[in-house]
Protein backbone atom coordinates (compact mmCIF):
# COMPACT_ATOMS: atom_id res chain seq x y z
CA SER A 1 -79.80 -4.55 -14.42
CA ILE A 2 -77.92 -3.31 -17.46
CA ASN A 3 -75.11 -5.34 -18.99
CA SER A 4 -72.80 -2.90 -20.72
CA SER A 5 -70.27 -3.73 -23.40
CA ARG A 6 -68.03 -1.14 -21.69
CA SER A 7 -68.32 -2.49 -18.14
CA ALA A 8 -69.82 -5.14 -15.91
CA VAL A 9 -73.48 -5.53 -14.97
CA THR A 10 -74.96 -2.36 -13.46
CA PRO A 11 -77.99 -2.68 -11.15
CA PHE A 12 -80.89 -0.55 -12.36
CA GLY A 13 -83.75 0.60 -10.17
CA PRO A 14 -85.44 -1.04 -7.23
CA VAL A 15 -86.36 -4.69 -6.80
CA ILE A 16 -89.69 -5.20 -8.57
CA THR A 17 -92.38 -7.02 -6.61
CA ASP A 18 -95.43 -6.10 -8.68
CA ARG A 19 -95.73 -7.80 -12.07
CA ASN A 20 -97.35 -4.65 -13.50
CA ASP A 21 -94.09 -2.78 -12.94
CA VAL A 22 -91.99 -5.11 -15.15
CA GLU A 23 -92.74 -3.51 -18.54
CA PRO A 24 -92.24 0.11 -17.38
CA HIS A 25 -88.90 -0.79 -15.77
CA ILE A 26 -87.71 -2.57 -18.91
CA ARG A 27 -88.61 0.52 -20.96
CA ARG A 28 -86.77 2.73 -18.46
CA ALA A 29 -83.67 0.56 -18.65
CA GLN A 30 -83.78 0.62 -22.46
CA ALA A 31 -84.00 4.42 -22.44
CA ALA A 32 -81.10 4.64 -19.99
CA ILE A 33 -78.98 2.47 -22.29
CA LEU A 34 -79.69 4.85 -25.18
CA SER A 35 -78.70 7.84 -23.02
CA PRO A 36 -75.46 6.70 -21.36
CA HIS A 37 -74.44 10.33 -20.69
CA ARG A 38 -77.35 10.79 -18.25
CA PRO A 39 -77.51 9.48 -14.66
CA LEU A 40 -79.39 6.19 -14.37
CA ASP A 41 -81.65 7.42 -11.58
CA LEU A 42 -83.10 10.03 -13.95
CA PHE A 43 -85.08 7.20 -15.59
CA PHE A 44 -86.34 5.31 -12.50
CA ASN A 45 -89.81 6.90 -12.29
CA LYS A 46 -90.42 8.17 -15.82
CA SER A 47 -93.63 7.36 -17.67
CA ARG A 48 -93.64 5.99 -21.20
CA GLU A 49 -94.44 9.47 -22.54
CA GLU A 50 -91.66 11.10 -20.51
CA LEU A 51 -89.14 8.53 -21.78
CA LYS A 52 -90.22 9.20 -25.35
CA ASP A 53 -89.80 12.95 -24.83
CA ILE A 54 -86.35 12.53 -23.29
CA LEU A 55 -85.09 10.44 -26.19
CA GLU A 56 -86.67 12.63 -28.89
CA GLN A 57 -85.24 15.83 -27.42
CA ASP A 58 -81.78 14.43 -26.64
CA ASP A 59 -79.39 15.07 -29.51
CA GLN A 60 -76.83 12.80 -27.81
CA ALA A 61 -79.20 9.82 -27.52
CA LEU A 62 -78.06 6.70 -29.31
CA SER A 63 -80.27 5.03 -31.90
CA PHE A 64 -78.78 1.62 -31.08
CA SER A 65 -76.58 0.10 -28.40
CA GLU A 66 -74.89 -3.26 -27.95
CA ASP A 67 -75.68 -3.07 -24.23
CA VAL A 68 -78.49 -5.29 -22.99
CA VAL A 69 -81.19 -5.26 -20.33
CA VAL A 70 -80.92 -8.25 -17.99
CA VAL A 71 -84.02 -9.32 -16.05
CA ASP A 72 -83.43 -11.70 -13.13
CA ILE A 73 -86.60 -13.45 -11.93
CA GLU A 74 -86.54 -14.97 -8.48
CA ASP A 75 -89.99 -16.52 -8.14
CA PRO A 76 -90.26 -20.30 -8.24
CA ASP A 77 -94.02 -20.01 -8.84
CA GLY A 78 -93.73 -17.27 -11.48
CA THR A 79 -94.41 -17.73 -15.16
CA ASP A 80 -91.74 -17.58 -17.83
CA LEU A 81 -90.84 -14.14 -19.16
CA PHE A 82 -89.42 -13.46 -22.59
CA PHE A 83 -89.00 -10.21 -24.45
CA VAL A 84 -87.16 -9.23 -27.59
CA ASP A 85 -86.12 -5.74 -28.59
CA LEU A 86 -87.26 -6.08 -32.20
CA PRO A 87 -85.84 -2.80 -33.53
CA GLY A 88 -82.39 -3.86 -32.30
CA LYS A 89 -82.84 -7.35 -33.68
CA TYR A 90 -83.98 -5.91 -37.01
CA ILE A 91 -80.95 -3.61 -37.25
CA PHE A 92 -78.59 -6.50 -36.47
CA LEU A 93 -80.26 -8.81 -39.01
CA ALA A 94 -80.29 -6.08 -41.67
CA GLN A 95 -76.57 -5.42 -41.19
CA TRP A 96 -75.79 -9.15 -41.15
CA THR A 97 -77.84 -9.75 -44.30
CA GLU A 98 -76.17 -6.82 -46.08
CA SER A 99 -72.67 -8.04 -45.27
CA TYR A 100 -73.35 -11.59 -46.48
CA THR A 101 -75.40 -10.82 -49.58
CA ALA A 102 -73.24 -8.03 -50.99
């Protein structure tokens, strides 16, 4: 799901039952966040290359968003999952550092 700063949590895509589908769905959700003017279902089946093309060719695409991707795991036998969007974290840290060191 996508947690938007403008609204509540928005479900995104189907329920994932195959662990190999986790990364592609996270990438799709991230691309959807950066293109809030496009319908969410446009991103559901896109490949990594197609997502890259969409964002590169979209002059309305955002370079950063405060919205977040939320991953709910419902598997008592599953392993822990952790991911960090480093470009977003880097931008935040750079802005924070600038404002406190200036």
